[in-house]
Amino acid sequence: MPDPARGRVEFSSPELTAAVESEGARISSLRSAGRELLLVTPWAGAPDGSWAMPVSSHEWHRRYPGGWHVLLPRSGDPVAVDGVEQPFHGEAAWRHWRLEAVENGCVATVELRTVPLRLTRRIRIDGDVLTVTQEVTSFGSEVVAFGWVEHPAFDGALLEGATIALGDGPARAFVEPPATAFAD
């Protein structure tokens, strides 16, 4: 259900429920059998006020809510590209997107201001499958180089007893990292 006052769309199937926020078109919740699958920080959704840190990477971590972000036109530290400043993890994750509720999902769109790119993010649930389909369109006359990262943060409880296999290598037990917050 759309909630224009909060900039949020929720949709579900009998197996999954998802919520998408307008800020960054972030998937803020993905639930199965009553269990949250994505990381939700303790301060997610709390009023933040107007105070902000001067460096975008510090501000990102200060207010990081968890969830699943799309990072575009680049990820990582803030940097100037062709003389244009890009914030930590790219403009798309910071902007408010237009959300439209559609059957079993939503469509999110935004035009970036730092590069001439239009992004369309379609998020849909079919049974027990969440599908994210994205399109990037250049509306400028010059070639635009960009990076694109999907950044889901899963709830740590999901990894209890989990194993990880890379390529054809053997599955190995997942080892909890030290509890040093965002440094891991």
Protein backbone atom coordinates (compact mmCIF):
# COMPACT_ATOMS: atom_id res chain seq x y z
CA MET A 1 0.00 0.00 0.00
CA PRO A 2 1.34 3.47 -0.79
CA ASP A 3 1.74 5.93 2.06
CA PRO A 4 2.49 9.26 0.37
CA ALA A 5 2.87 11.01 3.73
CA ARG A 6 5.83 8.77 4.57
CA GLY A 7 7.18 8.25 1.04
CA ARG A 8 6.76 4.49 1.32
CA VAL A 9 5.15 1.66 -0.65
CA GLU A 10 4.45 -1.76 0.87
CA PHE A 11 3.44 -4.88 -1.07
CA SER A 12 3.28 -8.61 -0.39
CA SER A 13 2.48 -12.15 -1.37
CA PRO A 14 1.53 -14.90 1.06
CA GLU A 15 5.28 -15.68 1.42
CA LEU A 16 6.98 -12.25 1.38
CA THR A 17 6.30 -8.66 2.40
CA ALA A 18 8.44 -5.73 1.22
CA ALA A 19 8.60 -1.99 1.84
CA VAL A 20 10.35 0.59 -0.34
CA GLU A 21 11.18 4.10 0.89
CA SER A 22 11.40 7.12 -1.39
CA GLU A 23 14.83 8.09 -0.02
CA GLY A 24 17.22 6.21 -2.28
CA ALA A 25 14.44 3.82 -3.43
CA ARG A 26 15.76 1.75 -0.55
CA ILE A 27 14.13 -1.58 0.18
CA SER A 28 13.72 -0.93 3.89
CA SER A 29 12.05 -4.20 4.81
CA LEU A 30 11.82 -7.72 3.41
CA ARG A 31 9.93 -10.16 5.63
CA SER A 32 9.29 -13.87 5.32
CA ALA A 33 7.28 -15.90 7.84
CA GLY A 34 7.25 -12.87 10.14
CA ARG A 35 11.06 -12.60 10.13
CA GLU A 36 12.93 -9.52 8.91
CA LEU A 37 15.58 -10.54 6.37
CA LEU A 38 17.30 -7.16 5.98
CA LEU A 39 19.34 -5.30 8.55
CA VAL A 40 17.38 -2.57 10.34
CA THR A 41 19.49 -0.34 12.60
CA PRO A 42 18.08 0.65 16.00
CA TRP A 43 17.76 4.29 14.83
CA ALA A 44 16.07 3.55 11.47
CA GLY A 45 12.92 5.62 11.14
CA ALA A 46 13.71 7.86 14.12
CA PRO A 47 13.42 11.63 13.58
CA ASP A 48 16.87 12.93 12.69
CA GLY A 49 16.62 16.73 12.94
CA SER A 50 18.62 19.15 10.84
CA TRP A 51 22.08 18.44 12.27
CA ALA A 52 24.49 16.88 9.77
CA MET A 53 28.14 15.92 9.64
CA PRO A 54 30.28 17.84 7.10
CA VAL A 55 31.67 14.77 5.28
CA SER A 56 29.11 12.65 3.39
CA SER A 57 30.70 9.32 4.38
CA HIS A 58 30.41 10.29 8.06
CA GLU A 59 26.82 11.46 7.57
CA TRP A 60 25.93 8.23 5.73
CA HIS A 61 27.15 6.09 8.62
CA ARG A 62 25.61 8.37 11.26
CA ARG A 63 22.13 7.95 9.81
CA TYR A 64 22.47 4.55 8.08
CA PRO A 65 19.13 2.72 8.44
CA GLY A 66 20.10 -0.63 6.89
CA GLY A 67 18.08 -2.18 4.07
CA TRP A 68 18.98 -2.56 0.40
CA HIS A 69 20.39 0.47 -1.46
CA VAL A 70 21.31 1.07 -5.07
CA LEU A 71 24.62 2.97 -5.33
CA LEU A 72 24.98 4.97 -8.52
CA PRO A 73 26.76 6.68 -10.29
CA ARG A 74 29.48 5.32 -8.01
CA SER A 75 30.06 3.69 -4.65
CA GLY A 76 32.66 4.34 -2.00
CA ASP A 77 34.16 7.53 -0.65
CA PRO A 78 33.06 10.99 -1.78
CA VAL A 79 35.02 12.23 -4.78
CA ALA A 80 34.87 14.73 -7.61
CA VAL A 81 34.33 13.14 -11.04
CA ASP A 82 34.89 15.46 -14.01
CA GLY A 83 34.79 18.35 -11.55
CA VAL A 84 31.41 17.32 -10.07
CA GLU A 85 31.25 16.31 -6.41
CA GLN A 86 29.71 12.88 -5.74
CA PRO A 87 28.67 12.02 -2.18
CA PHE A 88 29.59 8.80 -0.41
CA HIS A 89 27.93 5.88 -2.25
CA GLY A 90 26.69 8.13 -5.06
CA GLU A 91 23.79 10.49 -5.54
CA ALA A 92 21.07 7.89 -6.18
CA ALA A 93 21.17 6.61 -2.59
CA TRP A 94 20.69 10.13 -1.20
CA ARG A 95 17.92 11.41 -3.49
CA HIS A 96 14.17 11.07 -2.98
CA TRP A 97 12.70 8.97 -5.77
CA ARG A 98 9.13 9.04 -7.12
CA LEU A 99 7.33 5.89 -6.03
CA GLU A 100 4.38 4.34 -7.84
CA ALA A 101 2.54 1.34 -6.43
CA VAL A 102 1.86 -1.33 -9.05
CA GLU A 103 0.42 -4.82 -8.78
CA ASN A 104 2.68 -6.88 -6.47
CA GLY A 105 5.33 -4.16 -6.30
CA CYS A 106 6.41 -0.63 -7.06
CA VAL A 107 8.24 1.42 -9.66
CA ALA A 108 10.74 4.02 -8.43
CA THR A 109 12.20 6.72 -10.70
CA VAL A 110 14.70 9.55 -10.30
CA GLU A 111 16.77 11.85 -12.48
CA LEU A 112 20.20 12.50 -11.06
CA ARG A 113 21.50 16.06 -10.89
CA THR A 114 25.24 15.39 -10.87
CA VAL A 115 25.19 13.31 -14.06
CA PRO A 116 22.54 13.18 -16.80
CA LEU A 117 21.11 9.79 -15.84
CA ARG A 118 17.52 8.68 -15.27
CA LEU A 119 17.05 5.57 -13.13
CA THR A 120 14.03 3.31 -13.02
CA ARG A 121 13.87 0.62 -10.34
CA ARG A 122 11.10 -1.99 -10.54
CA ILE A 123 10.68 -4.09 -7.43
CA ARG A 124 8.21 -6.95 -7.50
CA ILE A 125 7.18 -9.96 -5.44
CA ASP A 126 5.97 -13.18 -7.05
CA GLY A 127 5.34 -15.86 -4.43
CA ASP A 128 8.60 -16.31 -2.54
CA VAL A 129 10.73 -14.41 -5.08
CA LEU A 130 11.70 -10.73 -4.93
CA THR A 131 12.81 -9.35 -8.29
CA VAL A 132 14.64 -6.05 -8.71
CA THR A 133 14.95 -4.85 -12.31
CA GLN A 134 16.70 -1.58 -13.04
CA GLU A 135 17.24 0.60 -16.04
CA VAL A 136 19.66 3.48 -16.44
CA THR A 137 19.06 5.94 -19.28
CA SER A 138 21.34 8.79 -20.28
CA PHE A 139 19.49 11.97 -21.21
CA GLY A 140 22.62 13.98 -22.00
CA SER A 141 24.55 14.40 -25.22
CA GLU A 142 27.88 13.12 -23.81
CA VAL A 143 28.92 9.59 -22.85
CA VAL A 144 28.56 9.06 -19.09
CA ALA A 145 30.80 6.60 -17.25
CA PHE A 146 29.28 5.28 -14.05
CA GLY A 147 29.54 2.51 -11.51
CA TRP A 148 26.55 0.58 -10.19
CA VAL A 149 26.37 -1.44 -6.98
CA GLU A 150 23.48 -3.24 -5.31
CA HIS A 151 24.02 -2.93 -1.56
CA PRO A 152 21.75 -5.25 0.46
CA ALA A 153 22.51 -5.52 4.17
CA PHE A 154 21.11 -8.74 5.59
CA ASP A 155 20.11 -9.28 9.21
CA GLY A 156 22.99 -10.94 11.05
CA ALA A 157 20.67 -13.56 12.59
CA LEU A 158 20.19 -14.99 9.07
CA LEU A 159 23.84 -16.02 9.05
CA GLU A 160 23.75 -18.13 12.22
CA GLY A 161 24.86 -21.60 11.18
CA ALA A 162 25.33 -20.47 7.56
CA THR A 163 28.07 -21.65 5.22
CA ILE A 164 29.68 -19.80 2.33
CA ALA A 165 30.91 -21.35 -0.92
CA LEU A 166 32.91 -19.27 -3.39
CA GLY A 167 33.03 -20.68 -6.89
CA ASP A 168 33.64 -24.42 -6.89
CA GLY A 169 35.44 -24.28 -3.53
CA PRO A 170 34.21 -26.15 -0.47
CA ALA A 171 31.54 -24.62 1.75
CA ARG A 172 33.01 -23.00 4.84
CA ALA A 173 31.34 -21.98 8.07
CA PHE A 174 30.48 -18.31 8.32
CA VAL A 175 32.54 -16.62 11.04
CA GLU A 176 31.11 -13.60 12.83
CA PRO A 177 33.35 -10.54 12.35
CA PRO A 178 34.47 -8.54 15.37
CA ALA A 179 31.78 -6.14 16.57
CA THR A 180 33.42 -2.97 15.29
CA ALA A 181 30.35 -1.60 13.50
CA PHE A 182 30.95 -0.35 9.97
CA ALA A 183 34.66 -1.23 9.80
CA ASP A 184 33.87 -4.89 9.00
